[in-house]
Amino acid sequence: MNFDAYARTAVELVNAGLTDLEQAKGLFGDELGWMAAEVTEKDLTVLRRAQRRLRDVFEHGTGGRDHDAVAELNLLLAAYPVQPRISGHDTSDWHMHVTGRGASVSAEYLAGAVWGLSVWLCEYGSARFGICADDRCGNVYLDTSSNNCRRFCSERCATRSHVAAHRARKRAATLTPA
């Protein structure tokens, strides 16, 4: 079972723009296309609320407040309980899902996301939760680097931030009399 994929759904949710139902549908992608077809306005409201709570988990984790991150995850686990099930399209690809069909789209999606993020915290610690260091971004990420040194959500943000810092240094150097 790939818990990392479930943890990444939490990241995708926190970073998603959820201003309308179409953006919520885009959150599910091709693999979860059936969810996109069934998502409702009520699901959108639930996803937005959970999005804020999951961002709090990342903020607690990056701030070294592990107990707060764990407390929030435990509340989310209680709100979106895991219901494991075996799934597959034929007898050669049986695999586990941590959520059961029949729940609302938001409850099923969130059960997996919260479970995955909880497993991630137990496995790697909340120091591996990150918020992009580029002030213009604010996206969250899971630090998969070998030495826990990641500071940006993407190469794009890292490059943009480094170029801006370089330009600021050059401007400061030209303004400073020799």
C-alpha atoms as a PDB file:
ATOM      1  CA  MET A   1       0.000   0.000   0.000  1.00  0.00           C
ATOM      2  CA  ASN A   2       1.434   3.366  -1.005  1.00  0.00           C
ATOM      3  CA  PHE A   3       0.853   5.665   1.960  1.00  0.00           C
ATOM      4  CA  ASP A   4       2.972   8.367   0.353  1.00  0.00           C
ATOM      5  CA  ALA A   5       0.381   8.727  -2.399  1.00  0.00           C
ATOM      6  CA  TYR A   6      -2.307   9.241   0.222  1.00  0.00           C
ATOM      7  CA  ALA A   7      -0.117  11.812   2.002  1.00  0.00           C
ATOM      8  CA  ARG A   8       0.366  13.638  -1.296  1.00  0.00           C
ATOM      9  CA  THR A   9      -3.413  13.960  -1.633  1.00  0.00           C
ATOM     10  CA  ALA A  10      -3.326  16.061   1.546  1.00  0.00           C
ATOM     11  CA  VAL A  11      -0.661  18.282  -0.040  1.00  0.00           C
ATOM     12  CA  GLU A  12      -2.691  18.563  -3.239  1.00  0.00           C
ATOM     13  CA  LEU A  13      -5.775  19.545  -1.263  1.00  0.00           C
ATOM     14  CA  VAL A  14      -3.993  22.222   0.779  1.00  0.00           C
ATOM     15  CA  ASN A  15      -2.443  23.694  -2.377  1.00  0.00           C
ATOM     16  CA  ALA A  16      -5.623  23.519  -4.459  1.00  0.00           C
ATOM     17  CA  GLY A  17      -7.634  26.532  -5.424  1.00  0.00           C
ATOM     18  CA  LEU A  18     -11.155  25.692  -4.360  1.00  0.00           C
ATOM     19  CA  THR A  19     -13.146  28.733  -5.393  1.00  0.00           C
ATOM     20  CA  ASP A  20     -15.773  26.741  -7.266  1.00  0.00           C
ATOM     21  CA  LEU A  21     -17.003  23.258  -8.079  1.00  0.00           C
ATOM     22  CA  GLU A  22     -14.932  23.059 -11.286  1.00  0.00           C
ATOM     23  CA  GLN A  23     -11.703  23.546  -9.309  1.00  0.00           C
ATOM     24  CA  ALA A  24     -12.821  20.859  -6.868  1.00  0.00           C
ATOM     25  CA  LYS A  25     -13.369  18.490  -9.793  1.00  0.00           C
ATOM     26  CA  GLY A  26      -9.832  19.234 -10.987  1.00  0.00           C
ATOM     27  CA  LEU A  27      -8.471  18.123  -7.618  1.00  0.00           C
ATOM     28  CA  PHE A  28      -9.369  14.493  -8.313  1.00  0.00           C
ATOM     29  CA  GLY A  29      -7.542  14.027 -11.618  1.00  0.00           C
ATOM     30  CA  ASP A  30      -7.901  11.034 -13.908  1.00  0.00           C
ATOM     31  CA  GLU A  31      -7.299   8.362 -11.288  1.00  0.00           C
ATOM     32  CA  LEU A  32     -10.213   9.579  -9.164  1.00  0.00           C
ATOM     33  CA  GLY A  33     -12.436  10.625 -12.048  1.00  0.00           C
ATOM     34  CA  TRP A  34     -15.517   9.059 -10.489  1.00  0.00           C
ATOM     35  CA  MET A  35     -15.127  11.515  -7.574  1.00  0.00           C
ATOM     36  CA  ALA A  36     -15.068  14.474  -9.959  1.00  0.00           C
ATOM     37  CA  ALA A  37     -18.340  13.250 -11.462  1.00  0.00           C
ATOM     38  CA  GLU A  38     -19.997  12.975  -8.030  1.00  0.00           C
ATOM     39  CA  VAL A  39     -18.623  16.005  -6.145  1.00  0.00           C
ATOM     40  CA  THR A  40     -21.270  18.408  -4.820  1.00  0.00           C
ATOM     41  CA  GLU A  41     -21.364  21.918  -3.358  1.00  0.00           C
ATOM     42  CA  LYS A  42     -21.562  20.327   0.092  1.00  0.00           C
ATOM     43  CA  ASP A  43     -18.351  18.403  -0.648  1.00  0.00           C
ATOM     44  CA  LEU A  44     -16.717  21.661  -1.736  1.00  0.00           C
ATOM     45  CA  THR A  45     -17.600  23.265   1.606  1.00  0.00           C
ATOM     46  CA  VAL A  46     -16.227  20.264   3.531  1.00  0.00           C
ATOM     47  CA  LEU A  47     -13.038  20.223   1.443  1.00  0.00           C
ATOM     48  CA  ARG A  48     -12.443  23.945   2.055  1.00  0.00           C
ATOM     49  CA  ARG A  49     -12.825  23.507   5.801  1.00  0.00           C
ATOM     50  CA  ALA A  50     -10.487  20.510   5.824  1.00  0.00           C
ATOM     51  CA  GLN A  51      -8.044  22.410   3.616  1.00  0.00           C
ATOM     52  CA  ARG A  52      -7.641  25.051   6.353  1.00  0.00           C
ATOM     53  CA  ARG A  53      -7.239  22.418   9.057  1.00  0.00           C
ATOM     54  CA  LEU A  54      -4.626  20.508   7.058  1.00  0.00           C
ATOM     55  CA  ARG A  55      -2.710  23.746   6.458  1.00  0.00           C
ATOM     56  CA  ASP A  56      -2.676  24.150  10.250  1.00  0.00           C
ATOM     57  CA  VAL A  57      -1.059  20.704  10.499  1.00  0.00           C
ATOM     58  CA  PHE A  58       1.711  21.836   8.145  1.00  0.00           C
ATOM     59  CA  GLU A  59       2.154  25.099  10.030  1.00  0.00           C
ATOM     60  CA  HIS A  60       2.384  23.245  13.349  1.00  0.00           C
ATOM     61  CA  GLY A  61       4.855  20.760  11.888  1.00  0.00           C
ATOM     62  CA  THR A  62       7.125  23.353  10.323  1.00  0.00           C
ATOM     63  CA  GLY A  63       6.967  25.391  13.514  1.00  0.00           C
ATOM     64  CA  GLY A  64       8.218  22.464  15.605  1.00  0.00           C
ATOM     65  CA  ARG A  65       4.860  22.101  17.362  1.00  0.00           C
ATOM     66  CA  ASP A  66       4.547  18.342  16.937  1.00  0.00           C
ATOM     67  CA  HIS A  67       1.964  17.910  19.687  1.00  0.00           C
ATOM     68  CA  ASP A  68      -0.322  20.441  17.998  1.00  0.00           C
ATOM     69  CA  ALA A  69       0.136  18.737  14.619  1.00  0.00           C
ATOM     70  CA  VAL A  70      -0.665  15.358  16.148  1.00  0.00           C
ATOM     71  CA  ALA A  71      -3.688  16.722  18.032  1.00  0.00           C
ATOM     72  CA  GLU A  72      -5.121  18.204  14.844  1.00  0.00           C
ATOM     73  CA  LEU A  73      -4.464  15.017  12.871  1.00  0.00           C
ATOM     74  CA  ASN A  74      -6.166  12.959  15.578  1.00  0.00           C
ATOM     75  CA  LEU A  75      -9.227  15.217  15.360  1.00  0.00           C
ATOM     76  CA  LEU A  76      -9.237  14.838  11.582  1.00  0.00           C
ATOM     77  CA  LEU A  77      -8.843  11.049  11.850  1.00  0.00           C
ATOM     78  CA  ALA A  78     -11.898  10.965  14.100  1.00  0.00           C
ATOM     79  CA  ALA A  79     -13.873  13.148  11.685  1.00  0.00           C
ATOM     80  CA  TYR A  80     -12.832  11.132   8.604  1.00  0.00           C
ATOM     81  CA  PRO A  81     -12.345   7.532   9.744  1.00  0.00           C
ATOM     82  CA  VAL A  82     -10.565   4.999   7.597  1.00  0.00           C
ATOM     83  CA  GLN A  83     -12.581   2.127   6.158  1.00  0.00           C
ATOM     84  CA  PRO A  84     -10.158  -0.195   4.358  1.00  0.00           C
ATOM     85  CA  ARG A  85     -11.281  -2.195   1.359  1.00  0.00           C
ATOM     86  CA  ILE A  86      -9.791  -4.369  -1.345  1.00  0.00           C
ATOM     87  CA  SER A  87     -10.169  -3.006  -4.843  1.00  0.00           C
ATOM     88  CA  GLY A  88      -9.184  -4.093  -8.324  1.00  0.00           C
ATOM     89  CA  HIS A  89     -10.356  -4.411 -11.874  1.00  0.00           C
ATOM     90  CA  ASP A  90      -9.406  -8.043 -12.354  1.00  0.00           C
ATOM     91  CA  THR A  91      -7.838 -10.801 -10.275  1.00  0.00           C
ATOM     92  CA  SER A  92      -4.290  -9.711 -11.103  1.00  0.00           C
ATOM     93  CA  ASP A  93      -4.360  -6.216  -9.624  1.00  0.00           C
ATOM     94  CA  TRP A  94      -5.948  -6.504  -6.182  1.00  0.00           C
ATOM     95  CA  HIS A  95      -4.853  -3.667  -3.921  1.00  0.00           C
ATOM     96  CA  MET A  96      -5.939  -1.897  -0.759  1.00  0.00           C
ATOM     97  CA  HIS A  97      -7.718   1.413  -0.427  1.00  0.00           C
ATOM     98  CA  VAL A  98      -8.101   3.021   2.974  1.00  0.00           C
ATOM     99  CA  THR A  99     -11.570   4.369   2.313  1.00  0.00           C
ATOM    100  CA  GLY A 100     -14.844   2.684   1.524  1.00  0.00           C
ATOM    101  CA  ARG A 101     -17.105   3.607  -1.361  1.00  0.00           C
ATOM    102  CA  GLY A 102     -20.490   4.832  -0.324  1.00  0.00           C
ATOM    103  CA  ALA A 103     -19.279   7.726   1.783  1.00  0.00           C
ATOM    104  CA  SER A 104     -19.511  11.241   0.363  1.00  0.00           C
ATOM    105  CA  VAL A 105     -16.783  12.227  -2.053  1.00  0.00           C
ATOM    106  CA  SER A 106     -15.273  14.617   0.477  1.00  0.00           C
ATOM    107  CA  ALA A 107     -15.336  12.056   3.315  1.00  0.00           C
ATOM    108  CA  GLU A 108     -13.675   9.404   1.164  1.00  0.00           C
ATOM    109  CA  TYR A 109     -11.015  11.769  -0.183  1.00  0.00           C
ATOM    110  CA  LEU A 110     -10.281  13.220   3.257  1.00  0.00           C
ATOM    111  CA  ALA A 111     -10.075   9.837   4.981  1.00  0.00           C
ATOM    112  CA  GLY A 112      -7.267   8.871   2.618  1.00  0.00           C
ATOM    113  CA  ALA A 113      -5.521  12.242   2.815  1.00  0.00           C
ATOM    114  CA  VAL A 114      -5.617  12.427   6.613  1.00  0.00           C
ATOM    115  CA  TRP A 115      -4.560   8.776   6.974  1.00  0.00           C
ATOM    116  CA  GLY A 116      -1.649   9.242   4.585  1.00  0.00           C
ATOM    117  CA  LEU A 117      -0.461  12.413   6.298  1.00  0.00           C
ATOM    118  CA  SER A 118      -0.733  10.720   9.699  1.00  0.00           C
ATOM    119  CA  VAL A 119       1.326   7.746   8.532  1.00  0.00           C
ATOM    120  CA  TRP A 120       3.854  10.179   7.042  1.00  0.00           C
ATOM    121  CA  LEU A 121       4.174  12.002  10.377  1.00  0.00           C
ATOM    122  CA  CYS A 122       4.668   8.731  12.262  1.00  0.00           C
ATOM    123  CA  GLU A 123       7.221   7.498   9.728  1.00  0.00           C
ATOM    124  CA  TYR A 124       9.267  10.652   9.100  1.00  0.00           C
ATOM    125  CA  GLY A 125       8.233  13.212  11.720  1.00  0.00           C
ATOM    126  CA  SER A 126       6.609  16.567  11.229  1.00  0.00           C
ATOM    127  CA  ALA A 127       9.980  18.148  10.404  1.00  0.00           C
ATOM    128  CA  ARG A 128       9.356  16.668   6.935  1.00  0.00           C
ATOM    129  CA  PHE A 129       6.278  18.902   6.515  1.00  0.00           C
ATOM    130  CA  GLY A 130       7.148  22.076   4.662  1.00  0.00           C
ATOM    131  CA  ILE A 131       5.742  25.429   3.625  1.00  0.00           C
ATOM    132  CA  CYS A 132       7.390  27.024   0.599  1.00  0.00           C
ATOM    133  CA  ALA A 133      10.058  29.575   1.567  1.00  0.00           C
ATOM    134  CA  ASP A 134       9.088  31.784  -1.381  1.00  0.00           C
ATOM    135  CA  ASP A 135       6.965  34.516   0.197  1.00  0.00           C
ATOM    136  CA  ARG A 136       4.839  34.764  -2.953  1.00  0.00           C
ATOM    137  CA  CYS A 137       3.874  31.089  -2.871  1.00  0.00           C
ATOM    138  CA  GLY A 138       2.795  29.550   0.427  1.00  0.00           C
ATOM    139  CA  ASN A 139       2.242  26.049  -0.956  1.00  0.00           C
ATOM    140  CA  VAL A 140       2.934  23.094   1.317  1.00  0.00           C
ATOM    141  CA  TYR A 141       5.055  20.052   0.501  1.00  0.00           C
ATOM    142  CA  LEU A 142       6.434  16.841   1.961  1.00  0.00           C
ATOM    143  CA  ASP A 143      10.227  16.912   2.230  1.00  0.00           C
ATOM    144  CA  THR A 144      11.548  13.768   0.583  1.00  0.00           C
ATOM    145  CA  SER A 145      15.147  14.969   0.399  1.00  0.00           C
ATOM    146  CA  SER A 146      17.788  12.678   1.858  1.00  0.00           C
ATOM    147  CA  ASN A 147      18.965  15.216   4.427  1.00  0.00           C
ATOM    148  CA  ASN A 148      15.737  17.103   5.209  1.00  0.00           C
ATOM    149  CA  CYS A 149      16.952  20.303   3.563  1.00  0.00           C
ATOM    150  CA  ARG A 150      14.135  21.177   1.179  1.00  0.00           C
ATOM    151  CA  ARG A 151      12.847  24.756   1.497  1.00  0.00           C
ATOM    152  CA  PHE A 152      10.670  25.228  -1.578  1.00  0.00           C
ATOM    153  CA  CYS A 153       7.627  23.427  -2.950  1.00  0.00           C
ATOM    154  CA  SER A 154       9.090  23.260  -6.455  1.00  0.00           C
ATOM    155  CA  GLU A 155      12.158  24.010  -8.547  1.00  0.00           C
ATOM    156  CA  ARG A 156      10.214  26.908 -10.049  1.00  0.00           C
ATOM    157  CA  CYS A 157       9.767  28.590  -6.665  1.00  0.00           C
ATOM    158  CA  ALA A 158      13.379  27.910  -5.683  1.00  0.00           C
ATOM    159  CA  THR A 159      14.680  29.458  -8.900  1.00  0.00           C
ATOM    160  CA  ARG A 160      12.339  32.443  -8.682  1.00  0.00           C
ATOM    161  CA  SER A 161      13.359  33.091  -5.076  1.00  0.00           C
ATOM    162  CA  HIS A 162      17.077  32.716  -5.765  1.00  0.00           C
ATOM    163  CA  VAL A 163      16.922  35.013  -8.799  1.00  0.00           C
ATOM    164  CA  ALA A 164      15.027  37.638  -6.777  1.00  0.00           C
ATOM    165  CA  ALA A 165      17.607  37.445  -3.976  1.00  0.00           C
ATOM    166  CA  HIS A 166      20.453  37.721  -6.491  1.00  0.00           C
ATOM    167  CA  ARG A 167      18.880  40.787  -8.106  1.00  0.00           C
ATOM    168  CA  ALA A 168      18.305  42.373  -4.697  1.00  0.00           C
ATOM    169  CA  ARG A 169      21.978  41.846  -3.804  1.00  0.00           C
ATOM    170  CA  LYS A 170      23.070  43.374  -7.108  1.00  0.00           C
ATOM    171  CA  ARG A 171      20.802  46.404  -6.560  1.00  0.00           C
ATOM    172  CA  ALA A 172      22.130  46.838  -3.046  1.00  0.00           C
ATOM    173  CA  ALA A 173      25.714  46.631  -4.307  1.00  0.00           C
ATOM    174  CA  THR A 174      25.133  49.323  -6.934  1.00  0.00           C
ATOM    175  CA  LEU A 175      23.476  51.616  -4.376  1.00  0.00           C
ATOM    176  CA  THR A 176      26.270  51.208  -1.824  1.00  0.00           C
ATOM    177  CA  PRO A 177      29.120  53.685  -2.406  1.00  0.00           C
ATOM    178  CA  ALA A 178      32.545  52.092  -2.803  1.00  0.00           C
END
